Amino acid sequence: MKKHIDQYWFGLSALLFSSFLTTSVSWAVDPPCDKYPSAKQARCAEIWKELNKEDAPIIAQFGLDQQQRREEGKINAQQHLAENMIFIKKSTEKRIERLKERMTNE
């Protein structure tokens, strides 16, 4: 029974992580660029996509590390989900800061 509950939580947390990540990435494609003049918004979107590609390996490694820690019993489902949400928030904030820097240099 406990194994089924753990599998449920793992599946749910994986689904939520991918959902939050997708939402985070898709939400952030346009809104960070909305504050720039119309003429710069297309370039902003290009830079944002580049930043997402640059961070893809980091995001993937985080997911693999989380999965391994979960399978080893080092974290439970609630910790897994909480850490995922914190990671998504922080990584998005870092990308937004890098976007601001690059747009300043444009």
C-alpha atoms as a PDB file:
ATOM      1  CA  MET A   1       0.000   0.000   0.000  1.00  0.00           C
ATOM      2  CA  LYS A   2       2.787   2.451   0.929  1.00  0.00           C
ATOM      3  CA  LYS A   3       4.527   1.674  -2.349  1.00  0.00           C
ATOM      4  CA  HIS A   4       1.362   2.559  -4.285  1.00  0.00           C
ATOM      5  CA  ILE A   5       1.008   5.824  -2.375  1.00  0.00           C
ATOM      6  CA  ASP A   6       4.669   6.662  -3.058  1.00  0.00           C
ATOM      7  CA  GLN A   7       4.217   5.853  -6.725  1.00  0.00           C
ATOM      8  CA  TYR A   8       1.122   8.046  -6.789  1.00  0.00           C
ATOM      9  CA  TRP A   9       2.975  10.965  -5.176  1.00  0.00           C
ATOM     10  CA  PHE A  10       5.942  10.485  -7.471  1.00  0.00           C
ATOM     11  CA  GLY A  11       3.705  10.475 -10.527  1.00  0.00           C
ATOM     12  CA  LEU A  12       1.773  13.464  -9.279  1.00  0.00           C
ATOM     13  CA  SER A  13       4.906  15.428  -8.443  1.00  0.00           C
ATOM     14  CA  ALA A  14       6.477  14.608 -11.805  1.00  0.00           C
ATOM     15  CA  LEU A  15       3.310  15.722 -13.564  1.00  0.00           C
ATOM     16  CA  LEU A  16       3.135  18.920 -11.538  1.00  0.00           C
ATOM     17  CA  PHE A  17       6.837  19.635 -12.071  1.00  0.00           C
ATOM     18  CA  SER A  18       6.549  19.272 -15.821  1.00  0.00           C
ATOM     19  CA  SER A  19       3.331  21.278 -15.786  1.00  0.00           C
ATOM     20  CA  PHE A  20       4.876  24.067 -13.694  1.00  0.00           C
ATOM     21  CA  LEU A  21       7.998  24.042 -15.816  1.00  0.00           C
ATOM     22  CA  THR A  22       6.004  24.242 -19.031  1.00  0.00           C
ATOM     23  CA  THR A  23       3.816  26.965 -17.564  1.00  0.00           C
ATOM     24  CA  SER A  24       6.855  28.808 -16.237  1.00  0.00           C
ATOM     25  CA  VAL A  25       8.608  28.663 -19.586  1.00  0.00           C
ATOM     26  CA  SER A  26       5.554  29.474 -21.687  1.00  0.00           C
ATOM     27  CA  TRP A  27       4.377  32.206 -19.294  1.00  0.00           C
ATOM     28  CA  ALA A  28       7.781  33.775 -19.337  1.00  0.00           C
ATOM     29  CA  VAL A  29       8.208  33.781 -23.119  1.00  0.00           C
ATOM     30  CA  ASP A  30       6.185  36.943 -23.591  1.00  0.00           C
ATOM     31  CA  PRO A  31       5.548  38.754 -20.292  1.00  0.00           C
ATOM     32  CA  PRO A  32       9.191  39.636 -19.557  1.00  0.00           C
ATOM     33  CA  CYS A  33       9.279  41.217 -22.991  1.00  0.00           C
ATOM     34  CA  ASP A  34       6.056  43.185 -22.602  1.00  0.00           C
ATOM     35  CA  LYS A  35       7.848  45.932 -20.718  1.00  0.00           C
ATOM     36  CA  TYR A  36      10.144  46.679 -23.645  1.00  0.00           C
ATOM     37  CA  PRO A  37       9.203  48.931 -26.577  1.00  0.00           C
ATOM     38  CA  SER A  38       7.457  47.154 -29.437  1.00  0.00           C
ATOM     39  CA  ALA A  39      10.559  47.398 -31.604  1.00  0.00           C
ATOM     40  CA  LYS A  40      12.598  45.437 -29.036  1.00  0.00           C
ATOM     41  CA  GLN A  41      10.037  42.794 -28.097  1.00  0.00           C
ATOM     42  CA  ALA A  42      10.931  40.395 -30.925  1.00  0.00           C
ATOM     43  CA  ARG A  43      14.628  40.512 -29.974  1.00  0.00           C
ATOM     44  CA  CYS A  44      13.668  40.043 -26.328  1.00  0.00           C
ATOM     45  CA  ALA A  45      11.684  36.913 -27.227  1.00  0.00           C
ATOM     46  CA  GLU A  46      14.680  35.547 -29.163  1.00  0.00           C
ATOM     47  CA  ILE A  47      16.992  36.118 -26.210  1.00  0.00           C
ATOM     48  CA  TRP A  48      14.454  34.526 -23.853  1.00  0.00           C
ATOM     49  CA  LYS A  49      14.325  31.404 -26.023  1.00  0.00           C
ATOM     50  CA  GLU A  50      18.140  31.290 -26.074  1.00  0.00           C
ATOM     51  CA  LEU A  51      18.213  31.533 -22.273  1.00  0.00           C
ATOM     52  CA  ASN A  52      15.732  28.672 -21.981  1.00  0.00           C
ATOM     53  CA  LYS A  53      17.880  26.539 -24.295  1.00  0.00           C
ATOM     54  CA  GLU A  54      21.007  27.407 -22.305  1.00  0.00           C
ATOM     55  CA  ASP A  55      19.325  26.316 -19.079  1.00  0.00           C
ATOM     56  CA  ALA A  56      17.780  23.117 -20.473  1.00  0.00           C
ATOM     57  CA  PRO A  57      20.719  20.900 -19.365  1.00  0.00           C
ATOM     58  CA  ILE A  58      20.610  22.376 -15.844  1.00  0.00           C
ATOM     59  CA  ILE A  59      16.874  21.785 -15.632  1.00  0.00           C
ATOM     60  CA  ALA A  60      17.220  18.234 -16.922  1.00  0.00           C
ATOM     61  CA  GLN A  61      20.010  17.455 -14.462  1.00  0.00           C
ATOM     62  CA  PHE A  62      17.954  18.819 -11.592  1.00  0.00           C
ATOM     63  CA  GLY A  63      15.088  16.530 -12.595  1.00  0.00           C
ATOM     64  CA  LEU A  64      17.371  13.496 -12.783  1.00  0.00           C
ATOM     65  CA  ASP A  65      18.935  14.297  -9.422  1.00  0.00           C
ATOM     66  CA  GLN A  66      15.497  14.714  -7.867  1.00  0.00           C
ATOM     67  CA  GLN A  67      14.337  11.411  -9.278  1.00  0.00           C
ATOM     68  CA  GLN A  68      17.420   9.625  -7.965  1.00  0.00           C
ATOM     69  CA  ARG A  69      17.085  11.157  -4.490  1.00  0.00           C
ATOM     70  CA  ARG A  70      13.431  10.172  -4.434  1.00  0.00           C
ATOM     71  CA  GLU A  71      14.143   6.597  -5.490  1.00  0.00           C
ATOM     72  CA  GLU A  72      16.856   6.344  -2.821  1.00  0.00           C
ATOM     73  CA  GLY A  73      14.358   7.505  -0.199  1.00  0.00           C
ATOM     74  CA  LYS A  74      16.311  10.668   0.598  1.00  0.00           C
ATOM     75  CA  ILE A  75      13.271  12.868   0.000  1.00  0.00           C
ATOM     76  CA  ASN A  76       9.551  12.187   0.135  1.00  0.00           C
ATOM     77  CA  ALA A  77       6.856  13.291  -2.294  1.00  0.00           C
ATOM     78  CA  GLN A  78       6.101  16.526  -0.484  1.00  0.00           C
ATOM     79  CA  GLN A  79       9.778  17.489  -0.316  1.00  0.00           C
ATOM     80  CA  HIS A  80      10.183  16.586  -3.970  1.00  0.00           C
ATOM     81  CA  LEU A  81       7.312  18.834  -5.004  1.00  0.00           C
ATOM     82  CA  ALA A  82       8.406  21.698  -2.748  1.00  0.00           C
ATOM     83  CA  GLU A  83      11.965  21.558  -4.067  1.00  0.00           C
ATOM     84  CA  ASN A  84      10.685  21.479  -7.646  1.00  0.00           C
ATOM     85  CA  MET A  85       8.587  24.576  -7.109  1.00  0.00           C
ATOM     86  CA  ILE A  86      11.480  26.435  -5.484  1.00  0.00           C
ATOM     87  CA  PHE A  87      13.799  25.413  -8.326  1.00  0.00           C
ATOM     88  CA  ILE A  88      11.354  26.585 -10.987  1.00  0.00           C
ATOM     89  CA  LYS A  89      10.865  29.932  -9.302  1.00  0.00           C
ATOM     90  CA  LYS A  90      14.578  30.562  -8.768  1.00  0.00           C
ATOM     91  CA  SER A  91      15.639  29.416 -12.232  1.00  0.00           C
ATOM     92  CA  THR A  92      12.991  31.610 -13.860  1.00  0.00           C
ATOM     93  CA  GLU A  93      14.077  34.598 -11.774  1.00  0.00           C
ATOM     94  CA  LYS A  94      17.704  34.026 -12.815  1.00  0.00           C
ATOM     95  CA  ARG A  95      16.721  33.851 -16.489  1.00  0.00           C
ATOM     96  CA  ILE A  96      14.754  37.091 -16.148  1.00  0.00           C
ATOM     97  CA  GLU A  97      17.811  38.793 -14.628  1.00  0.00           C
ATOM     98  CA  ARG A  98      20.005  37.504 -17.451  1.00  0.00           C
ATOM     99  CA  LEU A  99      17.400  38.718 -19.941  1.00  0.00           C
ATOM    100  CA  LYS A 100      17.513  42.200 -18.418  1.00  0.00           C
ATOM    101  CA  GLU A 101      21.311  42.231 -18.660  1.00  0.00           C
ATOM    102  CA  ARG A 102      21.304  41.138 -22.284  1.00  0.00           C
ATOM    103  CA  MET A 103      18.576  43.588 -23.234  1.00  0.00           C
ATOM    104  CA  THR A 104      20.560  46.383 -21.572  1.00  0.00           C
ATOM    105  CA  ASN A 105      23.540  45.443 -23.753  1.00  0.00           C
ATOM    106  CA  GLU A 106      21.450  45.423 -26.946  1.00  0.00           C
END
